[in-house]
Amino acid sequence: KTVASFAQRFVGNPYVWGGTNLNTGADCSGFVKSVYKSFGYNLPRSSSSQRSAGRKVSYSNKQPGDLICYEMINGVGHVGIYIGNNQVVHAGSTSTGVHVSAANYRAVNCVRRIVR
């Protein structure tokens, strides 16, 4: 199983600020951290610190499983997992929960490759 396909199993689950549980609720960075923990990777907890995890790759070279880190809005960053086909799965908000969006639905800060 791949990170991208595993992460998509949780679409429809709730967004919970500060949460890290893939089934009962997670925020964006908690979702990413918990998905990767299932594959044996220990990522930082916050979206801002996840911007320096793994290694940087260009947006044009992104691959399924890469982290898409977004620009801060009102001091709040955001992160999701690229799943291919210009789409990202992420814990968006309490109204959306875990869902799929266009990878560039908001300004991208960087792309990080975690898997060695």
PDB file of N, CA and C in Angstrom:
ATOM      1  N   LYS A   1       0.844  -1.202   0.000  1.00  0.00           N
ATOM      2  CA  LYS A   1       0.000   0.000   0.000  1.00  0.00           C
ATOM      3  C   LYS A   1       0.880   1.254   0.000  1.00  0.00           C
ATOM      4  N   THR A   2       0.394   2.291  -0.613  1.00  0.00           N
ATOM      5  CA  THR A   2       1.155   3.531  -0.670  1.00  0.00           C
ATOM      6  C   THR A   2       0.593   4.554   0.301  1.00  0.00           C
ATOM      7  N   VAL A   3       1.416   5.544   0.629  1.00  0.00           N
ATOM      8  CA  VAL A   3       0.978   6.625   1.509  1.00  0.00           C
ATOM      9  C   VAL A   3      -0.271   7.298   0.930  1.00  0.00           C
ATOM     10  N   ALA A   4      -0.254   7.578  -0.378  1.00  0.00           N
ATOM     11  CA  ALA A   4      -1.376   8.298  -0.999  1.00  0.00           C
ATOM     12  C   ALA A   4      -2.671   7.498  -0.921  1.00  0.00           C
ATOM     13  N   SER A   5      -2.605   6.195  -1.218  1.00  0.00           N
ATOM     14  CA  SER A   5      -3.843   5.400  -1.179  1.00  0.00           C
ATOM     15  C   SER A   5      -4.314   5.184   0.259  1.00  0.00           C
ATOM     16  N   PHE A   6      -3.369   4.989   1.189  1.00  0.00           N
ATOM     17  CA  PHE A   6      -3.732   4.825   2.604  1.00  0.00           C
ATOM     18  C   PHE A   6      -4.429   6.085   3.130  1.00  0.00           C
ATOM     19  N   ALA A   7      -3.874   7.256   2.822  1.00  0.00           N
ATOM     20  CA  ALA A   7      -4.427   8.512   3.328  1.00  0.00           C
ATOM     21  C   ALA A   7      -5.864   8.715   2.852  1.00  0.00           C
ATOM     22  N   GLN A   8      -6.162   8.273   1.636  1.00  0.00           N
ATOM     23  CA  GLN A   8      -7.504   8.471   1.084  1.00  0.00           C
ATOM     24  C   GLN A   8      -8.562   7.624   1.785  1.00  0.00           C
ATOM     25  N   ARG A   9      -8.152   6.605   2.525  1.00  0.00           N
ATOM     26  CA  ARG A   9      -9.125   5.782   3.261  1.00  0.00           C
ATOM     27  C   ARG A   9      -9.855   6.578   4.334  1.00  0.00           C
ATOM     28  N   PHE A  10      -9.296   7.729   4.715  1.00  0.00           N
ATOM     29  CA  PHE A  10      -9.866   8.503   5.826  1.00  0.00           C
ATOM     30  C   PHE A  10     -10.715   9.679   5.350  1.00  0.00           C
ATOM     31  N   VAL A  11     -10.929   9.795   4.046  1.00  0.00           N
ATOM     32  CA  VAL A  11     -11.792  10.860   3.513  1.00  0.00           C
ATOM     33  C   VAL A  11     -13.179  10.723   4.145  1.00  0.00           C
ATOM     34  N   GLY A  12     -13.716  11.836   4.603  1.00  0.00           N
ATOM     35  CA  GLY A  12     -15.021  11.840   5.258  1.00  0.00           C
ATOM     36  C   GLY A  12     -14.932  11.855   6.774  1.00  0.00           C
ATOM     37  N   ASN A  13     -13.748  11.574   7.307  1.00  0.00           N
ATOM     38  CA  ASN A  13     -13.579  11.603   8.763  1.00  0.00           C
ATOM     39  C   ASN A  13     -13.472  13.048   9.243  1.00  0.00           C
ATOM     40  N   PRO A  14     -13.732  13.274  10.539  1.00  0.00           N
ATOM     41  CA  PRO A  14     -13.824  14.660  11.017  1.00  0.00           C
ATOM     42  C   PRO A  14     -12.483  15.366  11.178  1.00  0.00           C
ATOM     43  N   TYR A  15     -12.553  16.694  11.048  1.00  0.00           N
ATOM     44  CA  TYR A  15     -11.449  17.587  11.397  1.00  0.00           C
ATOM     45  C   TYR A  15     -11.602  17.942  12.866  1.00  0.00           C
ATOM     46  N   VAL A  16     -10.524  17.759  13.642  1.00  0.00           N
ATOM     47  CA  VAL A  16     -10.524  18.156  15.049  1.00  0.00           C
ATOM     48  C   VAL A  16      -9.233  18.926  15.296  1.00  0.00           C
ATOM     49  N   TRP A  17      -9.359  20.205  15.677  1.00  0.00           N
ATOM     50  CA  TRP A  17      -8.175  21.019  15.933  1.00  0.00           C
ATOM     51  C   TRP A  17      -7.337  20.363  17.022  1.00  0.00           C
ATOM     52  N   GLY A  18      -6.044  20.175  16.735  1.00  0.00           N
ATOM     53  CA  GLY A  18      -5.152  19.547  17.697  1.00  0.00           C
ATOM     54  C   GLY A  18      -5.209  18.028  17.684  1.00  0.00           C
ATOM     55  N   GLY A  19      -6.099  17.463  16.872  1.00  0.00           N
ATOM     56  CA  GLY A  19      -6.275  16.014  16.853  1.00  0.00           C
ATOM     57  C   GLY A  19      -5.245  15.304  15.991  1.00  0.00           C
ATOM     58  N   THR A  20      -4.983  14.039  16.341  1.00  0.00           N
ATOM     59  CA  THR A  20      -4.041  13.218  15.572  1.00  0.00           C
ATOM     60  C   THR A  20      -4.626  11.842  15.275  1.00  0.00           C
ATOM     61  N   ASN A  21      -5.914  11.633  15.558  1.00  0.00           N
ATOM     62  CA  ASN A  21      -6.505  10.318  15.352  1.00  0.00           C
ATOM     63  C   ASN A  21      -7.171  10.266  13.976  1.00  0.00           C
ATOM     64  N   LEU A  22      -6.701   9.345  13.139  1.00  0.00           N
ATOM     65  CA  LEU A  22      -7.193   9.270  11.765  1.00  0.00           C
ATOM     66  C   LEU A  22      -8.676   8.909  11.698  1.00  0.00           C
ATOM     67  N   ASN A  23      -9.188   8.224  12.708  1.00  0.00           N
ATOM     68  CA  ASN A  23     -10.582   7.782  12.690  1.00  0.00           C
ATOM     69  C   ASN A  23     -11.528   8.747  13.390  1.00  0.00           C
ATOM     70  N   THR A  24     -11.105   9.304  14.536  1.00  0.00           N
ATOM     71  CA  THR A  24     -12.016  10.162  15.302  1.00  0.00           C
ATOM     72  C   THR A  24     -11.767  11.642  15.077  1.00  0.00           C
ATOM     73  N   GLY A  25     -10.659  11.990  14.425  1.00  0.00           N
ATOM     74  CA  GLY A  25     -10.449  13.390  14.079  1.00  0.00           C
ATOM     75  C   GLY A  25      -9.018  13.852  14.196  1.00  0.00           C
ATOM     76  N   ALA A  26      -8.594  14.645  13.216  1.00  0.00           N
ATOM     77  CA  ALA A  26      -7.248  15.200  13.196  1.00  0.00           C
ATOM     78  C   ALA A  26      -7.283  16.555  12.513  1.00  0.00           C
ATOM     79  N   ASP A  27      -6.294  17.398  12.859  1.00  0.00           N
ATOM     80  CA  ASP A  27      -6.111  18.630  12.087  1.00  0.00           C
ATOM     81  C   ASP A  27      -5.134  18.321  10.954  1.00  0.00           C
ATOM     82  N   CYS A  28      -4.792  19.329  10.154  1.00  0.00           N
ATOM     83  CA  CYS A  28      -4.029  19.050   8.936  1.00  0.00           C
ATOM     84  C   CYS A  28      -2.693  18.386   9.227  1.00  0.00           C
ATOM     85  N   SER A  29      -1.920  18.943  10.152  1.00  0.00           N
ATOM     86  CA  SER A  29      -0.599  18.381  10.427  1.00  0.00           C
ATOM     87  C   SER A  29      -0.705  17.085  11.217  1.00  0.00           C
ATOM     88  N   GLY A  30      -1.728  16.967  12.054  1.00  0.00           N
ATOM     89  CA  GLY A  30      -1.946  15.723  12.786  1.00  0.00           C
ATOM     90  C   GLY A  30      -2.320  14.588  11.848  1.00  0.00           C
ATOM     91  N   PHE A  31      -3.096  14.904  10.816  1.00  0.00           N
ATOM     92  CA  PHE A  31      -3.463  13.928   9.793  1.00  0.00           C
ATOM     93  C   PHE A  31      -2.211  13.438   9.067  1.00  0.00           C
ATOM     94  N   VAL A  32      -1.391  14.387   8.595  1.00  0.00           N
ATOM     95  CA  VAL A  32      -0.157  14.034   7.878  1.00  0.00           C
ATOM     96  C   VAL A  32       0.772  13.221   8.774  1.00  0.00           C
ATOM     97  N   LYS A  33       0.974  13.680  10.013  1.00  0.00           N
ATOM     98  CA  LYS A  33       1.868  12.982  10.948  1.00  0.00           C
ATOM     99  C   LYS A  33       1.393  11.552  11.191  1.00  0.00           C
ATOM    100  N   SER A  34       0.087  11.375  11.394  1.00  0.00           N
ATOM    101  CA  SER A  34      -0.446  10.049  11.714  1.00  0.00           C
ATOM    102  C   SER A  34      -0.424   9.110  10.509  1.00  0.00           C
ATOM    103  N   VAL A  35      -0.680   9.637   9.312  1.00  0.00           N
ATOM    104  CA  VAL A  35      -0.583   8.808   8.108  1.00  0.00           C
ATOM    105  C   VAL A  35       0.850   8.297   7.968  1.00  0.00           C
ATOM    106  N   TYR A  36       1.814   9.193   8.094  1.00  0.00           N
ATOM    107  CA  TYR A  36       3.213   8.788   7.934  1.00  0.00           C
ATOM    108  C   TYR A  36       3.702   7.891   9.066  1.00  0.00           C
ATOM    109  N   LYS A  37       3.149   8.081  10.269  1.00  0.00           N
ATOM    110  CA  LYS A  37       3.523   7.214  11.393  1.00  0.00           C
ATOM    111  C   LYS A  37       3.154   5.757  11.077  1.00  0.00           C
ATOM    112  N   SER A  38       2.066   5.560  10.338  1.00  0.00           N
ATOM    113  CA  SER A  38       1.637   4.213   9.955  1.00  0.00           C
ATOM    114  C   SER A  38       2.657   3.535   9.042  1.00  0.00           C
ATOM    115  N   PHE A  39       3.550   4.331   8.436  1.00  0.00           N
ATOM    116  CA  PHE A  39       4.582   3.803   7.552  1.00  0.00           C
ATOM    117  C   PHE A  39       5.967   3.844   8.205  1.00  0.00           C
ATOM    118  N   GLY A  40       6.003   4.165   9.502  1.00  0.00           N
ATOM    119  CA  GLY A  40       7.258   4.150  10.241  1.00  0.00           C
ATOM    120  C   GLY A  40       8.051   5.442  10.204  1.00  0.00           C
ATOM    121  N   TYR A  41       7.433   6.536   9.758  1.00  0.00           N
ATOM    122  CA  TYR A  41       8.121   7.827   9.723  1.00  0.00           C
ATOM    123  C   TYR A  41       7.638   8.689  10.884  1.00  0.00           C
ATOM    124  N   ASN A  42       8.569   9.392  11.527  1.00  0.00           N
ATOM    125  CA  ASN A  42       8.206  10.270  12.637  1.00  0.00           C
ATOM    126  C   ASN A  42       8.361  11.718  12.191  1.00  0.00           C
ATOM    127  N   LEU A  43       7.262  12.334  11.784  1.00  0.00           N
ATOM    128  CA  LEU A  43       7.296  13.722  11.309  1.00  0.00           C
ATOM    129  C   LEU A  43       7.051  14.685  12.459  1.00  0.00           C
ATOM    130  N   PRO A  44       7.491  15.934  12.295  1.00  0.00           N
ATOM    131  CA  PRO A  44       7.167  16.960  13.293  1.00  0.00           C
ATOM    132  C   PRO A  44       5.651  17.148  13.391  1.00  0.00           C
ATOM    133  N   ARG A  45       5.188  17.769  14.468  1.00  0.00           N
ATOM    134  CA  ARG A  45       3.756  17.879  14.720  1.00  0.00           C
ATOM    135  C   ARG A  45       3.086  19.027  13.982  1.00  0.00           C
ATOM    136  N   SER A  46       3.766  20.158  13.803  1.00  0.00           N
ATOM    137  CA  SER A  46       3.081  21.335  13.253  1.00  0.00           C
ATOM    138  C   SER A  46       3.293  21.461  11.750  1.00  0.00           C
ATOM    139  N   SER A  47       2.354  22.128  11.078  1.00  0.00           N
ATOM    140  CA  SER A  47       2.485  22.322   9.629  1.00  0.00           C
ATOM    141  C   SER A  47       3.721  23.156   9.300  1.00  0.00           C
ATOM    142  N   SER A  48       4.052  24.122  10.156  1.00  0.00           N
ATOM    143  CA  SER A  48       5.237  24.947   9.870  1.00  0.00           C
ATOM    144  C   SER A  48       6.521  24.126   9.990  1.00  0.00           C
ATOM    145  N   SER A  49       6.592  23.217  10.952  1.00  0.00           N
ATOM    146  CA  SER A  49       7.799  22.396  11.075  1.00  0.00           C
ATOM    147  C   SER A  49       7.835  21.281  10.032  1.00  0.00           C
ATOM    148  N   GLN A  50       6.668  20.859   9.535  1.00  0.00           N
ATOM    149  CA  GLN A  50       6.650  19.850   8.474  1.00  0.00           C
ATOM    150  C   GLN A  50       7.201  20.412   7.161  1.00  0.00           C
ATOM    151  N   ARG A  51       7.269  21.744   7.050  1.00  0.00           N
ATOM    152  CA  ARG A  51       7.846  22.375   5.860  1.00  0.00           C
ATOM    153  C   ARG A  51       9.326  22.048   5.691  1.00  0.00           C
ATOM    154  N   SER A  52       9.977  21.595   6.755  1.00  0.00           N
ATOM    155  CA  SER A  52      11.405  21.270   6.648  1.00  0.00           C
ATOM    156  C   SER A  52      11.648  19.763   6.770  1.00  0.00           C
ATOM    157  N   ALA A  53      10.584  18.969   6.801  1.00  0.00           N
ATOM    158  CA  ALA A  53      10.741  17.507   6.876  1.00  0.00           C
ATOM    159  C   ALA A  53      11.144  16.961   5.507  1.00  0.00           C
ATOM    160  N   GLY A  54      11.853  15.864   5.508  1.00  0.00           N
ATOM    161  CA  GLY A  54      12.229  15.226   4.252  1.00  0.00           C
ATOM    162  C   GLY A  54      13.112  16.131   3.416  1.00  0.00           C
ATOM    163  N   ARG A  55      12.924  16.085   2.103  1.00  0.00           N
ATOM    164  CA  ARG A  55      13.718  16.949   1.229  1.00  0.00           C
ATOM    165  C   ARG A  55      12.799  17.690   0.276  1.00  0.00           C
ATOM    166  N   LYS A  56      13.255  18.873  -0.114  1.00  0.00           N
ATOM    167  CA  LYS A  56      12.452  19.729  -0.991  1.00  0.00           C
ATOM    168  C   LYS A  56      12.498  19.210  -2.420  1.00  0.00           C
ATOM    169  N   VAL A  57      11.354  19.202  -3.064  1.00  0.00           N
ATOM    170  CA  VAL A  57      11.283  18.919  -4.497  1.00  0.00           C
ATOM    171  C   VAL A  57      10.460  20.033  -5.135  1.00  0.00           C
ATOM    172  N   SER A  58      10.649  20.229  -6.438  1.00  0.00           N
ATOM    173  CA  SER A  58       9.896  21.287  -7.113  1.00  0.00           C
ATOM    174  C   SER A  58       8.442  20.858  -7.280  1.00  0.00           C
ATOM    175  N   TYR A  59       7.557  21.847  -7.372  1.00  0.00           N
ATOM    176  CA  TYR A  59       6.136  21.564  -7.548  1.00  0.00           C
ATOM    177  C   TYR A  59       5.913  20.747  -8.814  1.00  0.00           C
ATOM    178  N   SER A  60       6.682  21.026  -9.851  1.00  0.00           N
ATOM    179  CA  SER A  60       6.500  20.303 -11.125  1.00  0.00           C
ATOM    180  C   SER A  60       6.954  18.842 -11.029  1.00  0.00           C
ATOM    181  N   ASN A  61       7.765  18.522 -10.012  1.00  0.00           N
ATOM    182  CA  ASN A  61       8.248  17.144  -9.833  1.00  0.00           C
ATOM    183  C   ASN A  61       7.532  16.401  -8.706  1.00  0.00           C
ATOM    184  N   LYS A  62       6.417  16.961  -8.211  1.00  0.00           N
ATOM    185  CA  LYS A  62       5.707  16.318  -7.093  1.00  0.00           C
ATOM    186  C   LYS A  62       5.213  14.935  -7.503  1.00  0.00           C
ATOM    187  N   GLN A  63       5.195  14.038  -6.510  1.00  0.00           N
ATOM    188  CA  GLN A  63       4.734  12.674  -6.723  1.00  0.00           C
ATOM    189  C   GLN A  63       3.752  12.309  -5.616  1.00  0.00           C
ATOM    190  N   PRO A  64       2.853  11.337  -5.873  1.00  0.00           N
ATOM    191  CA  PRO A  64       1.929  10.908  -4.820  1.00  0.00           C
ATOM    192  C   PRO A  64       2.695  10.552  -3.541  1.00  0.00           C
ATOM    193  N   GLY A  65       2.172  11.050  -2.421  1.00  0.00           N
ATOM    194  CA  GLY A  65       2.810  10.846  -1.123  1.00  0.00           C
ATOM    195  C   GLY A  65       3.588  12.054  -0.649  1.00  0.00           C
ATOM    196  N   ASP A  66       3.954  12.960  -1.561  1.00  0.00           N
ATOM    197  CA  ASP A  66       4.676  14.162  -1.150  1.00  0.00           C
ATOM    198  C   ASP A  66       3.762  15.068  -0.322  1.00  0.00           C
ATOM    199  N   LEU A  67       4.371  15.845   0.568  1.00  0.00           N
ATOM    200  CA  LEU A  67       3.620  16.849   1.324  1.00  0.00           C
ATOM    201  C   LEU A  67       3.510  18.108   0.486  1.00  0.00           C
ATOM    202  N   ILE A  68       2.322  18.672   0.414  1.00  0.00           N
ATOM    203  CA  ILE A  68       2.126  19.986  -0.176  1.00  0.00           C
ATOM    204  C   ILE A  68       1.923  20.946   0.994  1.00  0.00           C
ATOM    205  N   CYS A  69       2.877  21.871   1.160  1.00  0.00           N
ATOM    206  CA  CYS A  69       2.807  22.836   2.254  1.00  0.00           C
ATOM    207  C   CYS A  69       2.345  24.169   1.677  1.00  0.00           C
ATOM    208  N   TYR A  70       1.357  24.756   2.322  1.00  0.00           N
ATOM    209  CA  TYR A  70       0.726  25.969   1.797  1.00  0.00           C
ATOM    210  C   TYR A  70       1.197  27.214   2.537  1.00  0.00           C
ATOM    211  N   GLU A  71       1.061  28.349   1.843  1.00  0.00           N
ATOM    212  CA  GLU A  71       1.412  29.636   2.446  1.00  0.00           C
ATOM    213  C   GLU A  71       0.515  29.896   3.657  1.00  0.00           C
ATOM    214  N   MET A  72       1.058  30.664   4.595  1.00  0.00           N
ATOM    215  CA  MET A  72       0.298  31.003   5.789  1.00  0.00           C
ATOM    216  C   MET A  72      -0.806  32.003   5.436  1.00  0.00           C
ATOM    217  N   ILE A  73      -1.967  31.805   6.046  1.00  0.00           N
ATOM    218  CA  ILE A  73      -3.075  32.753   5.943  1.00  0.00           C
ATOM    219  C   ILE A  73      -3.464  33.123   7.370  1.00  0.00           C
ATOM    220  N   ASN A  74      -3.393  34.415   7.675  1.00  0.00           N
ATOM    221  CA  ASN A  74      -3.665  34.894   9.048  1.00  0.00           C
ATOM    222  C   ASN A  74      -2.827  34.144  10.070  1.00  0.00           C
ATOM    223  N   GLY A  75      -1.561  33.899   9.721  1.00  0.00           N
ATOM    224  CA  GLY A  75      -0.628  33.266  10.654  1.00  0.00           C
ATOM    225  C   GLY A  75      -0.774  31.765  10.768  1.00  0.00           C
ATOM    226  N   VAL A  76      -1.640  31.168   9.957  1.00  0.00           N
ATOM    227  CA  VAL A  76      -1.882  29.729  10.053  1.00  0.00           C
ATOM    228  C   VAL A  76      -1.439  29.050   8.765  1.00  0.00           C
ATOM    229  N   GLY A  77      -0.557  28.063   8.894  1.00  0.00           N
ATOM    230  CA  GLY A  77      -0.121  27.284   7.744  1.00  0.00           C
ATOM    231  C   GLY A  77      -1.058  26.120   7.505  1.00  0.00           C
ATOM    232  N   HIS A  78      -0.792  25.379   6.434  1.00  0.00           N
ATOM    233  CA  HIS A  78      -1.618  24.221   6.114  1.00  0.00           C
ATOM    234  C   HIS A  78      -0.770  23.228   5.337  1.00  0.00           C
ATOM    235  N   VAL A  79      -1.128  21.947   5.451  1.00  0.00           N
ATOM    236  CA  VAL A  79      -0.376  20.899   4.774  1.00  0.00           C
ATOM    237  C   VAL A  79      -1.327  19.785   4.369  1.00  0.00           C
ATOM    238  N   GLY A  80      -1.009  19.131   3.256  1.00  0.00           N
ATOM    239  CA  GLY A  80      -1.788  17.995   2.782  1.00  0.00           C
ATOM    240  C   GLY A  80      -0.869  16.988   2.109  1.00  0.00           C
ATOM    241  N   ILE A  81      -1.424  15.874   1.687  1.00  0.00           N
ATOM    242  CA  ILE A  81      -0.664  14.806   1.031  1.00  0.00           C
ATOM    243  C   ILE A  81      -1.100  14.724  -0.431  1.00  0.00           C
ATOM    244  N   TYR A  82      -0.128  14.862  -1.318  1.00  0.00           N
ATOM    245  CA  TYR A  82      -0.419  14.797  -2.746  1.00  0.00           C
ATOM    246  C   TYR A  82      -0.791  13.363  -3.119  1.00  0.00           C
ATOM    247  N   ILE A  83      -1.874  13.208  -3.899  1.00  0.00           N
ATOM    248  CA  ILE A  83      -2.339  11.855  -4.257  1.00  0.00           C
ATOM    249  C   ILE A  83      -2.307  11.610  -5.760  1.00  0.00           C
ATOM    250  N   GLY A  84      -1.733  12.562  -6.517  1.00  0.00           N
ATOM    251  CA  GLY A  84      -1.688  12.406  -7.966  1.00  0.00           C
ATOM    252  C   GLY A  84      -2.836  13.133  -8.639  1.00  0.00           C
ATOM    253  N   ASN A  85      -2.755  13.266  -9.946  1.00  0.00           N
ATOM    254  CA  ASN A  85      -3.824  13.886 -10.730  1.00  0.00           C
ATOM    255  C   ASN A  85      -4.149  15.299 -10.250  1.00  0.00           C
ATOM    256  N   ASN A  86      -3.104  16.018  -9.827  1.00  0.00           N
ATOM    257  CA  ASN A  86      -3.243  17.389  -9.294  1.00  0.00           C
ATOM    258  C   ASN A  86      -4.228  17.480  -8.132  1.00  0.00           C
ATOM    259  N   GLN A  87      -4.247  16.459  -7.277  1.00  0.00           N
ATOM    260  CA  GLN A  87      -5.147  16.466  -6.118  1.00  0.00           C
ATOM    261  C   GLN A  87      -4.377  16.207  -4.826  1.00  0.00           C
ATOM    262  N   VAL A  88      -4.910  16.758  -3.745  1.00  0.00           N
ATOM    263  CA  VAL A  88      -4.331  16.597  -2.417  1.00  0.00           C
ATOM    264  C   VAL A  88      -5.438  16.132  -1.473  1.00  0.00           C
ATOM    265  N   VAL A  89      -5.089  15.226  -0.544  1.00  0.00           N
ATOM    266  CA  VAL A  89      -6.021  14.838   0.512  1.00  0.00           C
ATOM    267  C   VAL A  89      -5.538  15.523   1.792  1.00  0.00           C
ATOM    268  N   HIS A  90      -6.481  16.145   2.508  1.00  0.00           N
ATOM    269  CA  HIS A  90      -6.089  16.911   3.693  1.00  0.00           C
ATOM    270  C   HIS A  90      -7.266  17.072   4.641  1.00  0.00           C
ATOM    271  N   ALA A  91      -6.913  17.330   5.906  1.00  0.00           N
ATOM    272  CA  ALA A  91      -7.912  17.677   6.916  1.00  0.00           C
ATOM    273  C   ALA A  91      -8.100  19.181   6.823  1.00  0.00           C
ATOM    274  N   GLY A  92      -9.161  19.587   6.147  1.00  0.00           N
ATOM    275  CA  GLY A  92      -9.317  20.993   5.804  1.00  0.00           C
ATOM    276  C   GLY A  92      -9.840  21.878   6.917  1.00  0.00           C
ATOM    277  N   SER A  93     -11.017  21.557   7.419  1.00  0.00           N
ATOM    278  CA  SER A  93     -11.672  22.393   8.431  1.00  0.00           C
ATOM    279  C   SER A  93     -12.790  21.583   9.070  1.00  0.00           C
ATOM    280  N   THR A  94     -13.404  22.157  10.098  1.00  0.00           N
ATOM    281  CA  THR A  94     -14.506  21.447  10.744  1.00  0.00           C
ATOM    282  C   THR A  94     -15.663  21.237   9.775  1.00  0.00           C
ATOM    283  N   SER A  95     -15.816  22.131   8.793  1.00  0.00           N
ATOM    284  CA  SER A  95     -16.933  21.977   7.855  1.00  0.00           C
ATOM    285  C   SER A  95     -16.654  20.944   6.767  1.00  0.00           C
ATOM    286  N   THR A  96     -15.373  20.756   6.400  1.00  0.00           N
ATOM    287  CA  THR A  96     -15.047  19.817   5.322  1.00  0.00           C
ATOM    288  C   THR A  96     -14.551  18.469   5.820  1.00  0.00           C
ATOM    289  N   GLY A  97     -13.932  18.446   7.004  1.00  0.00           N
ATOM    290  CA  GLY A  97     -13.292  17.220   7.468  1.00  0.00           C
ATOM    291  C   GLY A  97     -12.149  16.846   6.540  1.00  0.00           C
ATOM    292  N   VAL A  98     -11.825  15.565   6.508  1.00  0.00           N
ATOM    293  CA  VAL A  98     -10.786  15.076   5.608  1.00  0.00           C
ATOM    294  C   VAL A  98     -11.406  14.953   4.223  1.00  0.00           C
ATOM    295  N   HIS A  99     -10.806  15.626   3.242  1.00  0.00           N
ATOM    296  CA  HIS A  99     -11.375  15.615   1.893  1.00  0.00           C
ATOM    297  C   HIS A  99     -10.279  15.824   0.849  1.00  0.00           C
ATOM    298  N   VAL A 100     -10.672  15.737  -0.400  1.00  0.00           N
ATOM    299  CA  VAL A 100      -9.756  15.898  -1.527  1.00  0.00           C
ATOM    300  C   VAL A 100     -10.022  17.241  -2.193  1.00  0.00           C
ATOM    301  N   SER A 101      -8.951  17.958  -2.520  1.00  0.00           N
ATOM    302  CA  SER A 101      -9.036  19.248  -3.209  1.00  0.00           C
ATOM    303  C   SER A 101      -8.017  19.265  -4.341  1.00  0.00           C
ATOM    304  N   ALA A 102      -8.125  20.272  -5.205  1.00  0.00           N
ATOM    305  CA  ALA A 102      -7.064  20.522  -6.181  1.00  0.00           C
ATOM    306  C   ALA A 102      -5.789  20.858  -5.398  1.00  0.00           C
ATOM    307  N   ALA A 103      -4.661  20.346  -5.859  1.00  0.00           N
ATOM    308  CA  ALA A 103      -3.400  20.535  -5.127  1.00  0.00           C
ATOM    309  C   ALA A 103      -3.033  22.012  -5.002  1.00  0.00           C
ATOM    310  N   ASN A 104      -3.455  22.830  -5.949  1.00  0.00           N
ATOM    311  CA  ASN A 104      -3.124  24.257  -5.921  1.00  0.00           C
ATOM    312  C   ASN A 104      -4.352  25.101  -5.572  1.00  0.00           C
ATOM    313  N   TYR A 105      -5.209  24.572  -4.707  1.00  0.00           N
ATOM    314  CA  TYR A 105      -6.426  25.320  -4.340  1.00  0.00           C
ATOM    315  C   TYR A 105      -6.097  26.590  -3.567  1.00  0.00           C
ATOM    316  N   ARG A 106      -4.894  26.651  -2.995  1.00  0.00           N
ATOM    317  CA  ARG A 106      -4.392  27.895  -2.419  1.00  0.00           C
ATOM    318  C   ARG A 106      -2.894  27.945  -2.662  1.00  0.00           C
ATOM    319  N   ALA A 107      -2.281  29.080  -2.363  1.00  0.00           N
ATOM    320  CA  ALA A 107      -0.873  29.292  -2.720  1.00  0.00           C
ATOM    321  C   ALA A 107       0.030  28.254  -2.038  1.00  0.00           C
ATOM    322  N   VAL A 108       0.859  27.602  -2.835  1.00  0.00           N
ATOM    323  CA  VAL A 108       1.763  26.572  -2.332  1.00  0.00           C
ATOM    324  C   VAL A 108       3.073  27.212  -1.876  1.00  0.00           C
ATOM    325  N   ASN A 109       3.528  26.819  -0.689  1.00  0.00           N
ATOM    326  CA  ASN A 109       4.806  27.282  -0.156  1.00  0.00           C
ATOM    327  C   ASN A 109       5.940  26.382  -0.628  1.00  0.00           C
ATOM    328  N   CYS A 110       5.762  25.069  -0.485  1.00  0.00           N
ATOM    329  CA  CYS A 110       6.800  24.133  -0.897  1.00  0.00           C
ATOM    330  C   CYS A 110       6.235  22.725  -0.971  1.00  0.00           C
ATOM    331  N   VAL A 111       7.018  21.851  -1.594  1.00  0.00           N
ATOM    332  CA  VAL A 111       6.688  20.424  -1.671  1.00  0.00           C
ATOM    333  C   VAL A 111       7.831  19.672  -0.996  1.00  0.00           C
ATOM    334  N   ARG A 112       7.477  18.715  -0.110  1.00  0.00           N
ATOM    335  CA  ARG A 112       8.493  17.964   0.622  1.00  0.00           C
ATOM    336  C   ARG A 112       8.310  16.478   0.371  1.00  0.00           C
ATOM    337  N   ARG A 113       9.399  15.812   0.048  1.00  0.00           N
ATOM    338  CA  ARG A 113       9.364  14.365  -0.167  1.00  0.00           C
ATOM    339  C   ARG A 113       9.879  13.672   1.088  1.00  0.00           C
ATOM    340  N   ILE A 114       9.026  12.841   1.672  1.00  0.00           N
ATOM    341  CA  ILE A 114       9.365  12.157   2.921  1.00  0.00           C
ATOM    342  C   ILE A 114       9.940  10.777   2.648  1.00  0.00           C
ATOM    343  N   VAL A 115       9.294  10.033   1.763  1.00  0.00           N
ATOM    344  CA  VAL A 115       9.692   8.646   1.512  1.00  0.00           C
ATOM    345  C   VAL A 115      11.060   8.644   0.854  1.00  0.00           C
ATOM    346  N   ARG A 116      11.947   7.838   1.411  1.00  0.00           N
ATOM    347  CA  ARG A 116      13.336   7.791   0.937  1.00  0.00           C
ATOM    348  C   ARG A 116      13.409   7.215  -0.458  1.00  0.00           C
TER     349      ARG A 116
END
